[in-house]
Amino acid sequence: QGRAAFTVDFTVDGEYWLMAAHPEARIGGTQPD
């Protein structure tokens, strides 16, 4: 269904991003709050 649970690590340096990659599309992402 195009869904997943993802645990974001907020201890990394810099901005927090979650990226999605598909072989037929450009990579996309979002910034989790």
PDB file of all heavy atoms in Angstrom:
ATOM      1  N   GLN A   1       0.824  -1.214   0.000  1.00  0.00           N
ATOM      2  CA  GLN A   1       0.000   0.000   0.000  1.00  0.00           C
ATOM      3  C   GLN A   1       0.863   1.271   0.000  1.00  0.00           C
ATOM      4  O   GLN A   1       0.353   2.380   0.160  1.00  0.00           O
ATOM      5  CB  GLN A   1      -0.917   0.029   1.231  1.00  0.00           C
ATOM      6  CG  GLN A   1      -2.046  -0.978   1.168  1.00  0.00           C
ATOM      7  CD  GLN A   1      -1.570  -2.387   1.522  1.00  0.00           C
ATOM      8  OE1 GLN A   1      -0.738  -2.581   2.390  1.00  0.00           O
ATOM      9  NE2 GLN A   1      -2.108  -3.376   0.828  1.00  0.00           N
ATOM     10  N   GLY A   2       2.174   1.122  -0.169  1.00  0.00           N
ATOM     11  CA  GLY A   2       3.069   2.273  -0.190  1.00  0.00           C
ATOM     12  C   GLY A   2       3.336   2.863   1.185  1.00  0.00           C
ATOM     13  O   GLY A   2       3.687   4.028   1.294  1.00  0.00           O
ATOM     14  N   ARG A   3       3.191   2.059   2.222  1.00  0.00           N
ATOM     15  CA  ARG A   3       3.352   2.545   3.596  1.00  0.00           C
ATOM     16  C   ARG A   3       4.487   1.837   4.320  1.00  0.00           C
ATOM     17  O   ARG A   3       4.797   0.683   4.045  1.00  0.00           O
ATOM     18  CB  ARG A   3       2.060   2.316   4.374  1.00  0.00           C
ATOM     19  CG  ARG A   3       0.883   3.039   3.791  1.00  0.00           C
ATOM     20  CD  ARG A   3      -0.362   2.747   4.577  1.00  0.00           C
ATOM     21  NE  ARG A   3      -1.522   3.343   3.911  1.00  0.00           N
ATOM     22  CZ  ARG A   3      -2.721   2.832   3.951  1.00  0.00           C
ATOM     23  NH1 ARG A   3      -2.966   1.741   4.628  1.00  0.00           N
ATOM     24  NH2 ARG A   3      -3.704   3.436   3.316  1.00  0.00           N
ATOM     25  N   ALA A   4       5.045   2.547   5.290  1.00  0.00           N
ATOM     26  CA  ALA A   4       6.082   1.963   6.152  1.00  0.00           C
ATOM     27  C   ALA A   4       6.178   2.782   7.424  1.00  0.00           C
ATOM     28  O   ALA A   4       5.858   3.981   7.435  1.00  0.00           O
ATOM     29  CB  ALA A   4       7.432   1.944   5.443  1.00  0.00           C
ATOM     30  N   ALA A   5       6.623   2.154   8.487  1.00  0.00           N
ATOM     31  CA  ALA A   5       6.958   2.871   9.715  1.00  0.00           C
ATOM     32  C   ALA A   5       8.452   3.159   9.644  1.00  0.00           C
ATOM     33  O   ALA A   5       9.231   2.324   9.180  1.00  0.00           O
ATOM     34  CB  ALA A   5       6.632   2.031  10.940  1.00  0.00           C
ATOM     35  N   PHE A   6       8.849   4.357  10.071  1.00  0.00           N
ATOM     36  CA  PHE A   6      10.267   4.728  10.030  1.00  0.00           C
ATOM     37  C   PHE A   6      10.593   5.506  11.295  1.00  0.00           C
ATOM     38  O   PHE A   6       9.904   6.463  11.633  1.00  0.00           O
ATOM     39  CB  PHE A   6      10.570   5.582   8.800  1.00  0.00           C
ATOM     40  CG  PHE A   6      12.033   5.681   8.500  1.00  0.00           C
ATOM     41  CD1 PHE A   6      12.617   4.860   7.557  1.00  0.00           C
ATOM     42  CD2 PHE A   6      12.846   6.582   9.183  1.00  0.00           C
ATOM     43  CE1 PHE A   6      13.976   4.940   7.273  1.00  0.00           C
ATOM     44  CE2 PHE A   6      14.197   6.667   8.924  1.00  0.00           C
ATOM     45  CZ  PHE A   6      14.767   5.834   7.966  1.00  0.00           C
ATOM     46  N   THR A   7      11.654   5.084  11.979  1.00  0.00           N
ATOM     47  CA  THR A   7      12.098   5.773  13.183  1.00  0.00           C
ATOM     48  C   THR A   7      13.250   6.696  12.814  1.00  0.00           C
ATOM     49  O   THR A   7      14.305   6.244  12.380  1.00  0.00           O
ATOM     50  CB  THR A   7      12.526   4.761  14.266  1.00  0.00           C
ATOM     51  OG1 THR A   7      11.412   3.908  14.549  1.00  0.00           O
ATOM     52  CG2 THR A   7      12.951   5.474  15.536  1.00  0.00           C
ATOM     53  N   VAL A   8      13.022   7.997  12.975  1.00  0.00           N
ATOM     54  CA  VAL A   8      14.003   9.023  12.629  1.00  0.00           C
ATOM     55  C   VAL A   8      14.908   9.284  13.827  1.00  0.00           C
ATOM     56  O   VAL A   8      14.443   9.406  14.960  1.00  0.00           O
ATOM     57  CB  VAL A   8      13.293  10.324  12.190  1.00  0.00           C
ATOM     58  CG1 VAL A   8      14.288  11.445  11.955  1.00  0.00           C
ATOM     59  CG2 VAL A   8      12.455  10.069  10.942  1.00  0.00           C
ATOM     60  N   ASP A   9      16.204   9.350  13.564  1.00  0.00           N
ATOM     61  CA  ASP A   9      17.219   9.629  14.576  1.00  0.00           C
ATOM     62  C   ASP A   9      17.472  11.136  14.610  1.00  0.00           C
ATOM     63  O   ASP A   9      17.951  11.709  13.634  1.00  0.00           O
ATOM     64  CB  ASP A   9      18.502   8.880  14.210  1.00  0.00           C
ATOM     65  CG  ASP A   9      19.651   9.120  15.164  1.00  0.00           C
ATOM     66  OD1 ASP A   9      19.512   9.940  16.103  1.00  0.00           O
ATOM     67  OD2 ASP A   9      20.703   8.487  14.979  1.00  0.00           O
ATOM     68  N   PHE A  10      17.153  11.784  15.732  1.00  0.00           N
ATOM     69  CA  PHE A  10      17.340  13.226  15.851  1.00  0.00           C
ATOM     70  C   PHE A  10      18.672  13.600  16.498  1.00  0.00           C
ATOM     71  O   PHE A  10      18.866  14.744  16.902  1.00  0.00           O
ATOM     72  CB  PHE A  10      16.170  13.862  16.611  1.00  0.00           C
ATOM     73  CG  PHE A  10      14.892  13.844  15.834  1.00  0.00           C
ATOM     74  CD1 PHE A  10      13.842  13.051  16.217  1.00  0.00           C
ATOM     75  CD2 PHE A  10      14.761  14.611  14.689  1.00  0.00           C
ATOM     76  CE1 PHE A  10      12.664  13.032  15.491  1.00  0.00           C
ATOM     77  CE2 PHE A  10      13.596  14.593  13.945  1.00  0.00           C
ATOM     78  CZ  PHE A  10      12.547  13.801  14.353  1.00  0.00           C
ATOM     79  N   THR A  11      19.594  12.640  16.580  1.00  0.00           N
ATOM     80  CA  THR A  11      20.914  12.954  17.124  1.00  0.00           C
ATOM     81  C   THR A  11      21.939  13.236  16.028  1.00  0.00           C
ATOM     82  O   THR A  11      23.066  13.601  16.341  1.00  0.00           O
ATOM     83  CB  THR A  11      21.440  11.806  18.016  1.00  0.00           C
ATOM     84  OG1 THR A  11      21.651  10.636  17.211  1.00  0.00           O
ATOM     85  CG2 THR A  11      20.466  11.504  19.146  1.00  0.00           C
ATOM     86  N   VAL A  12      21.569  13.076  14.757  1.00  0.00           N
ATOM     87  CA  VAL A  12      22.513  13.328  13.667  1.00  0.00           C
ATOM     88  C   VAL A  12      22.754  14.826  13.518  1.00  0.00           C
ATOM     89  O   VAL A  12      21.897  15.642  13.850  1.00  0.00           O
ATOM     90  CB  VAL A  12      22.032  12.731  12.315  1.00  0.00           C
ATOM     91  CG1 VAL A  12      21.906  11.229  12.391  1.00  0.00           C
ATOM     92  CG2 VAL A  12      20.733  13.355  11.869  1.00  0.00           C
ATOM     93  N   ASP A  13      23.926  15.176  13.033  1.00  0.00           N
ATOM     94  CA  ASP A  13      24.252  16.580  12.792  1.00  0.00           C
ATOM     95  C   ASP A  13      23.519  17.076  11.554  1.00  0.00           C
ATOM     96  O   ASP A  13      23.334  16.338  10.594  1.00  0.00           O
ATOM     97  CB  ASP A  13      25.758  16.752  12.575  1.00  0.00           C
ATOM     98  CG  ASP A  13      26.548  16.556  13.851  1.00  0.00           C
ATOM     99  OD1 ASP A  13      25.976  16.769  14.938  1.00  0.00           O
ATOM    100  OD2 ASP A  13      27.733  16.190  13.772  1.00  0.00           O
ATOM    101  N   GLY A  14      23.118  18.310  11.562  1.00  0.00           N
ATOM    102  CA  GLY A  14      22.495  18.921  10.393  1.00  0.00           C
ATOM    103  C   GLY A  14      20.985  18.801  10.417  1.00  0.00           C
ATOM    104  O   GLY A  14      20.366  18.535  11.444  1.00  0.00           O
ATOM    105  N   GLU A  15      20.381  18.975   9.241  1.00  0.00           N
ATOM    106  CA  GLU A  15      18.936  18.918   9.105  1.00  0.00           C
ATOM    107  C   GLU A  15      18.458  17.477   9.102  1.00  0.00           C
ATOM    108  O   GLU A  15      19.202  16.567   8.746  1.00  0.00           O
ATOM    109  CB  GLU A  15      18.498  19.603   7.817  1.00  0.00           C
ATOM    110  CG  GLU A  15      18.812  21.073   7.787  1.00  0.00           C
ATOM    111  CD  GLU A  15      18.368  21.733   6.490  1.00  0.00           C
ATOM    112  OE1 GLU A  15      18.031  21.049   5.511  1.00  0.00           O
ATOM    113  OE2 GLU A  15      18.370  22.962   6.469  1.00  0.00           O
ATOM    114  N   TYR A  16      17.214  17.281   9.486  1.00  0.00           N
ATOM    115  CA  TYR A  16      16.620  15.945   9.524  1.00  0.00           C
ATOM    116  C   TYR A  16      15.755  15.767   8.288  1.00  0.00           C
ATOM    117  O   TYR A  16      14.827  16.537   8.054  1.00  0.00           O
ATOM    118  CB  TYR A  16      15.760  15.781  10.785  1.00  0.00           C
ATOM    119  CG  TYR A  16      16.468  16.235  12.033  1.00  0.00           C
ATOM    120  CD1 TYR A  16      16.018  17.331  12.748  1.00  0.00           C
ATOM    121  CD2 TYR A  16      17.612  15.588  12.477  1.00  0.00           C
ATOM    122  CE1 TYR A  16      16.666  17.753  13.891  1.00  0.00           C
ATOM    123  CE2 TYR A  16      18.273  16.004  13.613  1.00  0.00           C
ATOM    124  CZ  TYR A  16      17.795  17.085  14.319  1.00  0.00           C
ATOM    125  OH  TYR A  16      18.446  17.501  15.440  1.00  0.00           O
ATOM    126  N   TRP A  17      16.060  14.737   7.507  1.00  0.00           N
ATOM    127  CA  TRP A  17      15.312  14.444   6.286  1.00  0.00           C
ATOM    128  C   TRP A  17      14.957  12.974   6.247  1.00  0.00           C
ATOM    129  O   TRP A  17      15.682  12.134   6.781  1.00  0.00           O
ATOM    130  CB  TRP A  17      16.144  14.777   5.041  1.00  0.00           C
ATOM    131  CG  TRP A  17      16.158  16.230   4.727  1.00  0.00           C
ATOM    132  CD1 TRP A  17      17.042  17.159   5.180  1.00  0.00           C
ATOM    133  CD2 TRP A  17      15.237  16.934   3.901  1.00  0.00           C
ATOM    134  NE1 TRP A  17      16.725  18.397   4.686  1.00  0.00           N
ATOM    135  CE2 TRP A  17      15.622  18.290   3.893  1.00  0.00           C
ATOM    136  CE3 TRP A  17      14.123  16.553   3.169  1.00  0.00           C
ATOM    137  CZ2 TRP A  17      14.937  19.258   3.181  1.00  0.00           C
ATOM    138  CZ3 TRP A  17      13.433  17.514   2.450  1.00  0.00           C
ATOM    139  CH2 TRP A  17      13.853  18.857   2.466  1.00  0.00           C
ATOM    140  N   LEU A  18      13.886  12.666   5.587  1.00  0.00           N
ATOM    141  CA  LEU A  18      13.489  11.304   5.285  1.00  0.00           C
ATOM    142  C   LEU A  18      13.335  11.259   3.773  1.00  0.00           C
ATOM    143  O   LEU A  18      12.566  12.036   3.204  1.00  0.00           O
ATOM    144  CB  LEU A  18      12.172  10.961   5.991  1.00  0.00           C
ATOM    145  CG  LEU A  18      11.643   9.561   5.793  1.00  0.00           C
ATOM    146  CD1 LEU A  18      12.663   8.517   6.239  1.00  0.00           C
ATOM    147  CD2 LEU A  18      10.354   9.385   6.572  1.00  0.00           C
ATOM    148  N   MET A  19      14.092  10.383   3.118  1.00  0.00           N
ATOM    149  CA  MET A  19      14.146  10.344   1.659  1.00  0.00           C
ATOM    150  C   MET A  19      13.514   9.060   1.132  1.00  0.00           C
ATOM    151  O   MET A  19      13.600   8.005   1.769  1.00  0.00           O
ATOM    152  CB  MET A  19      15.600  10.424   1.182  1.00  0.00           C
ATOM    153  CG  MET A  19      16.378  11.608   1.741  1.00  0.00           C
ATOM    154  SD  MET A  19      15.648  13.217   1.439  1.00  0.00           S
ATOM    155  CE  MET A  19      15.792  13.330  -0.331  1.00  0.00           C
ATOM    156  N   ALA A  20      12.905   9.159  -0.058  1.00  0.00           N
ATOM    157  CA  ALA A  20      12.289   8.016  -0.735  1.00  0.00           C
ATOM    158  C   ALA A  20      12.905   7.874  -2.118  1.00  0.00           C
ATOM    159  O   ALA A  20      13.019   8.856  -2.851  1.00  0.00           O
ATOM    160  CB  ALA A  20      10.779   8.219  -0.845  1.00  0.00           C
ATOM    161  N   ALA A  21      13.299   6.644  -2.460  1.00  0.00           N
ATOM    162  CA  ALA A  21      13.929   6.388  -3.759  1.00  0.00           C
ATOM    163  C   ALA A  21      13.201   5.261  -4.491  1.00  0.00           C
ATOM    164  O   ALA A  21      12.955   4.197  -3.925  1.00  0.00           O
ATOM    165  CB  ALA A  21      15.396   6.018  -3.564  1.00  0.00           C
ATOM    166  N   HIS A  22      12.864   5.526  -5.734  1.00  0.00           N
ATOM    167  CA  HIS A  22      12.213   4.545  -6.610  1.00  0.00           C
ATOM    168  C   HIS A  22      12.983   4.562  -7.928  1.00  0.00           C
ATOM    169  O   HIS A  22      13.374   5.629  -8.406  1.00  0.00           O
ATOM    170  CB  HIS A  22      10.746   4.952  -6.824  1.00  0.00           C
ATOM    171  CG  HIS A  22       9.951   3.942  -7.584  1.00  0.00           C
ATOM    172  ND1 HIS A  22       9.991   3.854  -8.951  1.00  0.00           N
ATOM    173  CD2 HIS A  22       9.108   2.978  -7.164  1.00  0.00           C
ATOM    174  CE1 HIS A  22       9.196   2.876  -9.346  1.00  0.00           C
ATOM    175  NE2 HIS A  22       8.643   2.336  -8.284  1.00  0.00           N
ATOM    176  N   PRO A  23      13.198   3.398  -8.548  1.00  0.00           N
ATOM    177  CA  PRO A  23      14.018   3.356  -9.768  1.00  0.00           C
ATOM    178  C   PRO A  23      13.438   4.112 -10.961  1.00  0.00           C
ATOM    179  O   PRO A  23      14.155   4.409 -11.905  1.00  0.00           O
ATOM    180  CB  PRO A  23      14.154   1.864 -10.082  1.00  0.00           C
ATOM    181  CG  PRO A  23      13.085   1.193  -9.315  1.00  0.00           C
ATOM    182  CD  PRO A  23      12.770   2.063  -8.134  1.00  0.00           C
ATOM    183  N   GLU A  24      12.150   4.457 -10.931  1.00  0.00           N
ATOM    184  CA  GLU A  24      11.536   5.160 -12.060  1.00  0.00           C
ATOM    185  C   GLU A  24      11.225   6.621 -11.754  1.00  0.00           C
ATOM    186  O   GLU A  24      10.516   7.273 -12.520  1.00  0.00           O
ATOM    187  CB  GLU A  24      10.248   4.439 -12.462  1.00  0.00           C
ATOM    188  CG  GLU A  24      10.474   3.028 -12.959  1.00  0.00           C
ATOM    189  CD  GLU A  24       9.174   2.316 -13.277  1.00  0.00           C
ATOM    190  OE1 GLU A  24       8.132   2.981 -13.414  1.00  0.00           O
ATOM    191  OE2 GLU A  24       9.205   1.086 -13.369  1.00  0.00           O
ATOM    192  N   ALA A  25      11.749   7.127 -10.633  1.00  0.00           N
ATOM    193  CA  ALA A  25      11.430   8.500 -10.240  1.00  0.00           C
ATOM    194  C   ALA A  25      12.641   9.176  -9.619  1.00  0.00           C
ATOM    195  O   ALA A  25      13.580   8.509  -9.179  1.00  0.00           O
ATOM    196  CB  ALA A  25      10.275   8.505  -9.245  1.00  0.00           C
ATOM    197  N   ARG A  26      12.601  10.483  -9.598  1.00  0.00           N
ATOM    198  CA  ARG A  26      13.625  11.227  -8.889  1.00  0.00           C
ATOM    199  C   ARG A  26      13.414  11.031  -7.390  1.00  0.00           C
ATOM    200  O   ARG A  26      12.287  10.834  -6.936  1.00  0.00           O
ATOM    201  CB  ARG A  26      13.536  12.704  -9.221  1.00  0.00           C
ATOM    202  CG  ARG A  26      13.871  12.971 -10.689  1.00  0.00           C
ATOM    203  CD  ARG A  26      14.071  14.424 -10.961  1.00  0.00           C
ATOM    204  NE  ARG A  26      14.310  14.904 -12.281  1.00  0.00           N
ATOM    205  CZ  ARG A  26      14.535  14.280 -13.406  1.00  0.00           C
ATOM    206  NH1 ARG A  26      14.536  13.001 -13.439  1.00  0.00           N
ATOM    207  NH2 ARG A  26      14.744  14.890 -14.539  1.00  0.00           N
ATOM    208  N   ILE A  27      14.480  11.123  -6.632  1.00  0.00           N
ATOM    209  CA  ILE A  27      14.398  10.962  -5.189  1.00  0.00           C
ATOM    210  C   ILE A  27      13.593  12.123  -4.611  1.00  0.00           C
ATOM    211  O   ILE A  27      13.729  13.266  -5.030  1.00  0.00           O
ATOM    212  CB  ILE A  27      15.810  10.915  -4.579  1.00  0.00           C
ATOM    213  CG1 ILE A  27      16.537   9.658  -5.066  1.00  0.00           C
ATOM    214  CG2 ILE A  27      15.762  10.974  -3.057  1.00  0.00           C
ATOM    215  CD1 ILE A  27      17.996   9.607  -4.674  1.00  0.00           C
ATOM    216  N   GLY A  28      12.740  11.820  -3.660  1.00  0.00           N
ATOM    217  CA  GLY A  28      11.941  12.836  -2.984  1.00  0.00           C
ATOM    218  C   GLY A  28      12.125  12.717  -1.489  1.00  0.00           C
ATOM    219  O   GLY A  28      12.660  11.724  -0.988  1.00  0.00           O
ATOM    220  N   GLY A  29      11.699  13.722  -0.777  1.00  0.00           N
ATOM    221  CA  GLY A  29      11.860  13.655   0.662  1.00  0.00           C
ATOM    222  C   GLY A  29      10.967  14.619   1.406  1.00  0.00           C
ATOM    223  O   GLY A  29      10.233  15.412   0.814  1.00  0.00           O
ATOM    224  N   THR A  30      11.046  14.530   2.719  1.00  0.00           N
ATOM    225  CA  THR A  30      10.307  15.405   3.602  1.00  0.00           C
ATOM    226  C   THR A  30      11.124  15.608   4.869  1.00  0.00           C
ATOM    227  O   THR A  30      11.958  14.778   5.213  1.00  0.00           O
ATOM    228  CB  THR A  30       8.915  14.820   3.929  1.00  0.00           C
ATOM    229  OG1 THR A  30       8.165  15.782   4.664  1.00  0.00           O
ATOM    230  CG2 THR A  30       9.002  13.539   4.717  1.00  0.00           C
ATOM    231  N   GLN A  31      10.886  16.719   5.544  1.00  0.00           N
ATOM    232  CA  GLN A  31      11.563  17.007   6.805  1.00  0.00           C
ATOM    233  C   GLN A  31      10.609  16.703   7.953  1.00  0.00           C
ATOM    234  O   GLN A  31       9.629  17.429   8.146  1.00  0.00           O
ATOM    235  CB  GLN A  31      12.003  18.464   6.879  1.00  0.00           C
ATOM    236  CG  GLN A  31      13.185  18.762   6.000  1.00  0.00           C
ATOM    237  CD  GLN A  31      13.686  20.173   6.225  1.00  0.00           C
ATOM    238  OE1 GLN A  31      13.041  21.114   5.815  1.00  0.00           O
ATOM    239  NE2 GLN A  31      14.825  20.284   6.866  1.00  0.00           N
ATOM    240  N   PRO A  32      10.875  15.644   8.706  1.00  0.00           N
ATOM    241  CA  PRO A  32      10.004  15.336   9.841  1.00  0.00           C
ATOM    242  C   PRO A  32      10.204  16.352  10.960  1.00  0.00           C
ATOM    243  O   PRO A  32      11.309  16.826  11.194  1.00  0.00           O
ATOM    244  CB  PRO A  32      10.459  13.942  10.277  1.00  0.00           C
ATOM    245  CG  PRO A  32      11.817  13.767   9.710  1.00  0.00           C
ATOM    246  CD  PRO A  32      11.924  14.652   8.515  1.00  0.00           C
ATOM    247  N   ASP A  33       9.122  16.690  11.626  1.00  0.00           N
ATOM    248  CA  ASP A  33       9.156  17.647  12.723  1.00  0.00           C
ATOM    249  C   ASP A  33       9.385  16.881  14.023  1.00  0.00           C
ATOM    250  O   ASP A  33       8.546  16.067  14.423  1.00  0.00           O
ATOM    251  CB  ASP A  33       7.822  18.399  12.768  1.00  0.00           C
ATOM    252  CG  ASP A  33       7.736  19.403  13.889  1.00  0.00           C
ATOM    253  OD1 ASP A  33       8.703  19.562  14.663  1.00  0.00           O
ATOM    254  OD2 ASP A  33       6.680  20.042  14.007  1.00  0.00           O
TER     255      ASP A  33
END
